[in-house]
C-alpha atoms as a PDB file:
ATOM      1  CA  MET A   1     -11.849  13.684  -3.491  1.00  0.00           C
ATOM      2  CA  LYS A   2      -9.576  10.966  -5.828  1.00  0.00           C
ATOM      3  CA  LYS A   3      -9.759   7.520  -3.988  1.00  0.00           C
ATOM      4  CA  VAL A   4      -6.191   5.608  -3.225  1.00  0.00           C
ATOM      5  CA  GLY A   5      -5.956   2.202  -5.125  1.00  0.00           C
ATOM      6  CA  ILE A   6      -4.918  -0.864  -2.610  1.00  0.00           C
ATOM      7  CA  LEU A   7      -3.123  -3.520  -4.562  1.00  0.00           C
ATOM      8  CA  MET A   8      -1.421  -6.638  -2.892  1.00  0.00           C
ATOM      9  CA  GLY A   9       0.080  -9.626  -4.651  1.00  0.00           C
ATOM     10  CA  SER A  10      -1.383 -12.192  -2.145  1.00  0.00           C
ATOM     11  CA  ASP A  11      -3.584 -12.061   0.208  1.00  0.00           C
ATOM     12  CA  SER A  12      -1.072 -13.658   2.941  1.00  0.00           C
ATOM     13  CA  ASP A  13      -0.096  -9.431   3.085  1.00  0.00           C
ATOM     14  CA  PHE A  14      -3.478  -7.985   4.245  1.00  0.00           C
ATOM     15  CA  PRO A  15      -1.906  -8.201   7.562  1.00  0.00           C
ATOM     16  CA  ILE A  16       0.281  -5.425   6.680  1.00  0.00           C
ATOM     17  CA  VAL A  17      -1.638  -3.245   4.139  1.00  0.00           C
ATOM     18  CA  GLU A  18      -4.441  -3.306   6.435  1.00  0.00           C
ATOM     19  CA  LYS A  19      -2.859  -0.547   8.390  1.00  0.00           C
ATOM     20  CA  ALA A  20      -3.040   1.532   5.169  1.00  0.00           C
ATOM     21  CA  ALA A  21      -6.619   0.488   5.074  1.00  0.00           C
ATOM     22  CA  ILE A  22      -6.986   1.989   8.297  1.00  0.00           C
ATOM     23  CA  THR A  23      -4.478   5.193   8.334  1.00  0.00           C
ATOM     24  CA  LEU A  24      -6.963   6.327   5.070  1.00  0.00           C
ATOM     25  CA  GLU A  25     -10.430   5.560   6.840  1.00  0.00           C
ATOM     26  CA  LYS A  26      -8.923   8.037   9.769  1.00  0.00           C
ATOM     27  CA  TYR A  27      -8.202  10.490   7.501  1.00  0.00           C
ATOM     28  CA  GLY A  28     -11.452   9.910   5.531  1.00  0.00           C
ATOM     29  CA  VAL A  29     -10.583   9.155   2.333  1.00  0.00           C
ATOM     30  CA  PRO A  30     -11.374   6.451   0.125  1.00  0.00           C
ATOM     31  CA  PHE A  31      -9.863   3.676  -1.223  1.00  0.00           C
ATOM     32  CA  GLU A  32     -10.414   0.466  -3.443  1.00  0.00           C
ATOM     33  CA  MET A  33      -8.312  -2.825  -2.275  1.00  0.00           C
ATOM     34  CA  HIS A  34      -7.685  -5.548  -4.402  1.00  0.00           C
ATOM     35  CA  VAL A  35      -5.275  -8.234  -4.703  1.00  0.00           C
ATOM     36  CA  TYR A  36      -3.628  -8.701  -7.947  1.00  0.00           C
ATOM     37  CA  SER A  37      -0.640 -10.614  -8.932  1.00  0.00           C
ATOM     38  CA  ALA A  38       2.098  -8.728 -11.323  1.00  0.00           C
ATOM     39  CA  HIS A  39       2.941 -12.451 -11.982  1.00  0.00           C
ATOM     40  CA  ARG A  40       0.234 -14.358 -11.646  1.00  0.00           C
ATOM     41  CA  THR A  41      -2.935 -11.519 -12.817  1.00  0.00           C
ATOM     42  CA  PRO A  42      -0.695  -9.591 -14.757  1.00  0.00           C
ATOM     43  CA  GLU A  43      -3.488  -8.532 -16.988  1.00  0.00           C
ATOM     44  CA  GLU A  44      -5.414  -7.404 -14.074  1.00  0.00           C
ATOM     45  CA  ALA A  45      -2.801  -5.859 -12.440  1.00  0.00           C
ATOM     46  CA  ARG A  46      -2.401  -3.631 -16.164  1.00  0.00           C
ATOM     47  CA  ALA A  47      -6.187  -3.250 -16.385  1.00  0.00           C
ATOM     48  CA  PHE A  48      -5.869  -1.788 -12.882  1.00  0.00           C
ATOM     49  CA  ALA A  49      -3.402   0.831 -13.556  1.00  0.00           C
ATOM     50  CA  MET A  50      -3.839   1.564 -17.500  1.00  0.00           C
ATOM     51  CA  ASN A  51      -7.685   2.532 -16.228  1.00  0.00           C
ATOM     52  CA  ALA A  52      -7.294   4.072 -12.634  1.00  0.00           C
ATOM     53  CA  ARG A  53      -6.497   7.810 -13.718  1.00  0.00           C
ATOM     54  CA  GLU A  54     -10.466   7.219 -15.636  1.00  0.00           C
ATOM     55  CA  ASN A  55     -11.464   5.487 -12.626  1.00  0.00           C
ATOM     56  CA  GLY A  56     -11.385   8.355 -10.145  1.00  0.00           C
ATOM     57  CA  PHE A  57      -7.926   7.358  -8.419  1.00  0.00           C
ATOM     58  CA  GLY A  58      -5.130   9.513  -7.095  1.00  0.00           C
ATOM     59  CA  THR A  59      -2.514   7.169  -5.985  1.00  0.00           C
ATOM     60  CA  ILE A  60      -1.488   3.644  -6.333  1.00  0.00           C
ATOM     61  CA  ILE A  61      -0.276   1.776  -3.202  1.00  0.00           C
ATOM     62  CA  ALA A  62       1.107  -1.762  -4.228  1.00  0.00           C
ATOM     63  CA  ALA A  63       2.594  -4.220  -1.750  1.00  0.00           C
ATOM     64  CA  ALA A  64       4.550  -7.280  -2.534  1.00  0.00           C
ATOM     65  CA  GLY A  65       6.962  -9.467  -0.577  1.00  0.00           C
ATOM     66  CA  LYS A  66       9.896 -11.493  -2.662  1.00  0.00           C
ATOM     67  CA  ALA A  67      10.111 -10.491  -5.985  1.00  0.00           C
ATOM     68  CA  ALA A  68       7.944  -7.567  -5.133  1.00  0.00           C
ATOM     69  CA  HIS A  69       7.224  -6.385  -9.212  1.00  0.00           C
ATOM     70  CA  LEU A  70       3.544  -5.154  -8.277  1.00  0.00           C
ATOM     71  CA  ALA A  71       4.291  -1.625  -7.968  1.00  0.00           C
ATOM     72  CA  GLY A  72       6.490  -1.774 -11.436  1.00  0.00           C
ATOM     73  CA  ALA A  73       4.040  -3.354 -12.906  1.00  0.00           C
ATOM     74  CA  MET A  74       1.557  -0.659 -11.239  1.00  0.00           C
ATOM     75  CA  ALA A  75       4.298   2.374 -12.322  1.00  0.00           C
ATOM     76  CA  ALA A  76       4.861   0.835 -16.246  1.00  0.00           C
ATOM     77  CA  ASN A  77       0.993   1.677 -16.834  1.00  0.00           C
ATOM     78  CA  THR A  78      -0.276   4.628 -15.107  1.00  0.00           C
ATOM     79  CA  THR A  79       1.305   7.780 -14.599  1.00  0.00           C
ATOM     80  CA  LEU A  80      -0.297   8.642 -11.659  1.00  0.00           C
ATOM     81  CA  PRO A  81       2.013   7.990  -8.196  1.00  0.00           C
ATOM     82  CA  VAL A  82       3.129   4.504  -6.841  1.00  0.00           C
ATOM     83  CA  ILE A  83       3.950   3.758  -3.554  1.00  0.00           C
ATOM     84  CA  GLY A  84       5.702   0.525  -2.772  1.00  0.00           C
ATOM     85  CA  ILE A  85       5.328  -1.104   0.346  1.00  0.00           C
ATOM     86  CA  PRO A  86       8.078  -4.355   0.305  1.00  0.00           C
ATOM     87  CA  ILE A  87       6.249  -6.916   2.487  1.00  0.00           C
ATOM     88  CA  LYS A  88       8.622  -9.429   4.649  1.00  0.00           C
ATOM     89  CA  SER A  89       9.290 -12.770   3.680  1.00  0.00           C
ATOM     90  CA  SER A  90      10.504 -15.513   6.006  1.00  0.00           C
ATOM     91  CA  THR A  91      13.165 -15.953   3.353  1.00  0.00           C
ATOM     92  CA  LEU A  92      15.310 -12.366   3.070  1.00  0.00           C
ATOM     93  CA  ASP A  93      13.507 -10.717   5.645  1.00  0.00           C
ATOM     94  CA  GLY A  94      11.735  -8.094   3.052  1.00  0.00           C
ATOM     95  CA  LEU A  95      15.109  -6.777   1.716  1.00  0.00           C
ATOM     96  CA  ASP A  96      14.480  -8.980  -1.616  1.00  0.00           C
ATOM     97  CA  ALA A  97      11.065  -7.150  -1.773  1.00  0.00           C
ATOM     98  CA  LEU A  98      13.168  -3.693  -0.578  1.00  0.00           C
ATOM     99  CA  LEU A  99      15.604  -3.456  -3.634  1.00  0.00           C
ATOM    100  CA  SER A 100      12.767  -5.231  -5.961  1.00  0.00           C
ATOM    101  CA  THR A 101      10.371  -1.978  -4.916  1.00  0.00           C
ATOM    102  CA  VAL A 102      12.844   0.515  -4.942  1.00  0.00           C
ATOM    103  CA  GLN A 103      15.562  -0.237  -8.187  1.00  0.00           C
ATOM    104  CA  MET A 104      13.284   0.797 -10.590  1.00  0.00           C
ATOM    105  CA  PRO A 105      14.463   2.522 -14.217  1.00  0.00           C
ATOM    106  CA  SER A 106      14.813   5.724 -14.928  1.00  0.00           C
ATOM    107  CA  GLY A 107      11.569   7.366 -16.054  1.00  0.00           C
ATOM    108  CA  LEU A 108       9.665   4.867 -14.144  1.00  0.00           C
ATOM    109  CA  PRO A 109       9.425   5.953 -10.155  1.00  0.00           C
ATOM    110  CA  VAL A 110       7.604   4.151  -7.684  1.00  0.00           C
ATOM    111  CA  ALA A 111       8.215   5.740  -4.521  1.00  0.00           C
ATOM    112  CA  THR A 112       9.331   3.336  -1.495  1.00  0.00           C
ATOM    113  CA  VAL A 113       8.337   2.978   2.333  1.00  0.00           C
ATOM    114  CA  ALA A 114       9.756   1.071   4.770  1.00  0.00           C
ATOM    115  CA  ILE A 115       9.731  -2.937   4.485  1.00  0.00           C
ATOM    116  CA  ASP A 116       5.866  -3.452   6.141  1.00  0.00           C
ATOM    117  CA  GLY A 117       5.411   0.358   6.192  1.00  0.00           C
ATOM    118  CA  ALA A 118       1.781   0.511   5.276  1.00  0.00           C
ATOM    119  CA  GLU A 119       0.986   3.312   7.204  1.00  0.00           C
ATOM    120  CA  ASN A 120       3.805   5.925   6.081  1.00  0.00           C
ATOM    121  CA  ALA A 121       2.230   4.628   2.447  1.00  0.00           C
ATOM    122  CA  ALA A 122      -1.222   5.296   3.142  1.00  0.00           C
ATOM    123  CA  LEU A 123      -0.010   8.889   5.192  1.00  0.00           C
ATOM    124  CA  LEU A 124       2.083   9.352   1.500  1.00  0.00           C
ATOM    125  CA  ALA A 125      -0.794   8.914  -0.603  1.00  0.00           C
ATOM    126  CA  ILE A 126      -2.163  11.706   1.851  1.00  0.00           C
ATOM    127  CA  GLN A 127       0.296  14.194   1.715  1.00  0.00           C
ATOM    128  CA  ILE A 128      -0.020  13.213  -2.456  1.00  0.00           C
ATOM    129  CA  LEU A 129      -3.869  14.400  -2.695  1.00  0.00           C
ATOM    130  CA  SER A 130      -3.495  16.881   0.083  1.00  0.00           C
ATOM    131  CA  VAL A 131      -1.566  18.988  -2.524  1.00  0.00           C
ATOM    132  CA  SER A 132      -5.334  19.610  -3.987  1.00  0.00           C
ATOM    133  CA  ASP A 133      -7.416  19.332  -1.084  1.00  0.00           C
ATOM    134  CA  GLU A 134      -7.021  21.697   1.619  1.00  0.00           C
ATOM    135  CA  GLU A 135      -9.313  20.006   4.553  1.00  0.00           C
ATOM    136  CA  LEU A 136      -6.981  16.911   4.023  1.00  0.00           C
ATOM    137  CA  ALA A 137      -4.109  19.311   4.606  1.00  0.00           C
ATOM    138  CA  LYS A 138      -5.111  20.553   7.335  1.00  0.00           C
ATOM    139  CA  LYS A 139      -5.968  17.126   9.095  1.00  0.00           C
ATOM    140  CA  LEU A 140      -2.200  16.361   8.007  1.00  0.00           C
ATOM    141  CA  THR A 141      -1.306  19.714   9.687  1.00  0.00           C
ATOM    142  CA  GLU A 142      -2.878  18.973  12.745  1.00  0.00           C
ATOM    143  CA  ALA A 143      -2.017  15.001  12.977  1.00  0.00           C
ATOM    144  CA  ARG A 144       2.130  16.161  12.985  1.00  0.00           C
ATOM    145  CA  ALA A 145       0.572  18.783  15.845  1.00  0.00           C
ATOM    146  CA  ALA A 146      -0.886  16.473  18.109  1.00  0.00           C
ATOM    147  CA  GLY A 147       2.305  13.646  17.376  1.00  0.00           C
ATOM    148  CA  ALA A 148       4.419  16.613  18.138  1.00  0.00           C
ATOM    149  CA  ALA A 149       2.820  17.060  22.076  1.00  0.00           C
ATOM    150  CA  ALA A 150       2.377  13.516  22.493  1.00  0.00           C
ATOM    151  CA  VAL A 151       6.531  13.756  22.208  1.00  0.00           C
ATOM    152  CA  LEU A 152       7.015  16.945  23.999  1.00  0.00           C
ATOM    153  CA  GLU A 153       4.530  15.247  26.960  1.00  0.00           C
ATOM    154  CA  LYS A 154       6.933  12.183  27.275  1.00  0.00           C
ATOM    155  CA  ASP A 155       9.725  14.674  27.396  1.00  0.00           C
ATOM    156  CA  ARG A 156       8.354  16.873  30.312  1.00  0.00           C
ATOM    157  CA  ILE A 157       7.513  13.705  32.382  1.00  0.00           C
ATOM    158  CA  ILE A 158      10.899  11.824  31.819  1.00  0.00           C
ATOM    159  CA  SER A 159      12.520  15.394  32.354  1.00  0.00           C
ATOM    160  CA  ALA A 160      10.786  16.334  35.623  1.00  0.00           C
ATOM    161  CA  LYS A 161      11.814  12.398  36.363  1.00  0.00           C
ATOM    162  CA  TYR A 162      15.144  13.303  36.311  1.00  0.00           C
ATOM    163  CA  ALA A 163      15.862  16.341  36.975  1.00  0.00           C
ATOM    164  CA  LYS A 164      18.266  17.403  39.712  1.00  0.00           C
END
């Protein structure tokens, strides 16, 4: 199975990014996690992206706040799918990071999830990997069915409470 690379621009992003790691672990998807900054460690970030395919990665999740150039830096240096997580900051509540992550030039796509959306980033990475992994596809289908069943059970309880 291919690995997922999880990168964050700062260790202060870890409390959010950890949710991606927990989700990947739940599905049994191997991953590596690193702190690389597009601005402070550009050579390390570039090397990671350029060698990711050869190092067994199938997709990259990149989380950053404020200027949020990490996902774009990854996309510029690999043809693997890159998923950006804009991280909420105290300055503009993450809108700056969202816009920086989502506004990529033509030819360099970055899939972008919601501000602080680490769990969805992991699930999107899993969906990408599931294209060539039937076991992952099955786990996703089962998780969706369990989620639907939970909502329907809540509906049953609420409907019964207010039935006339």
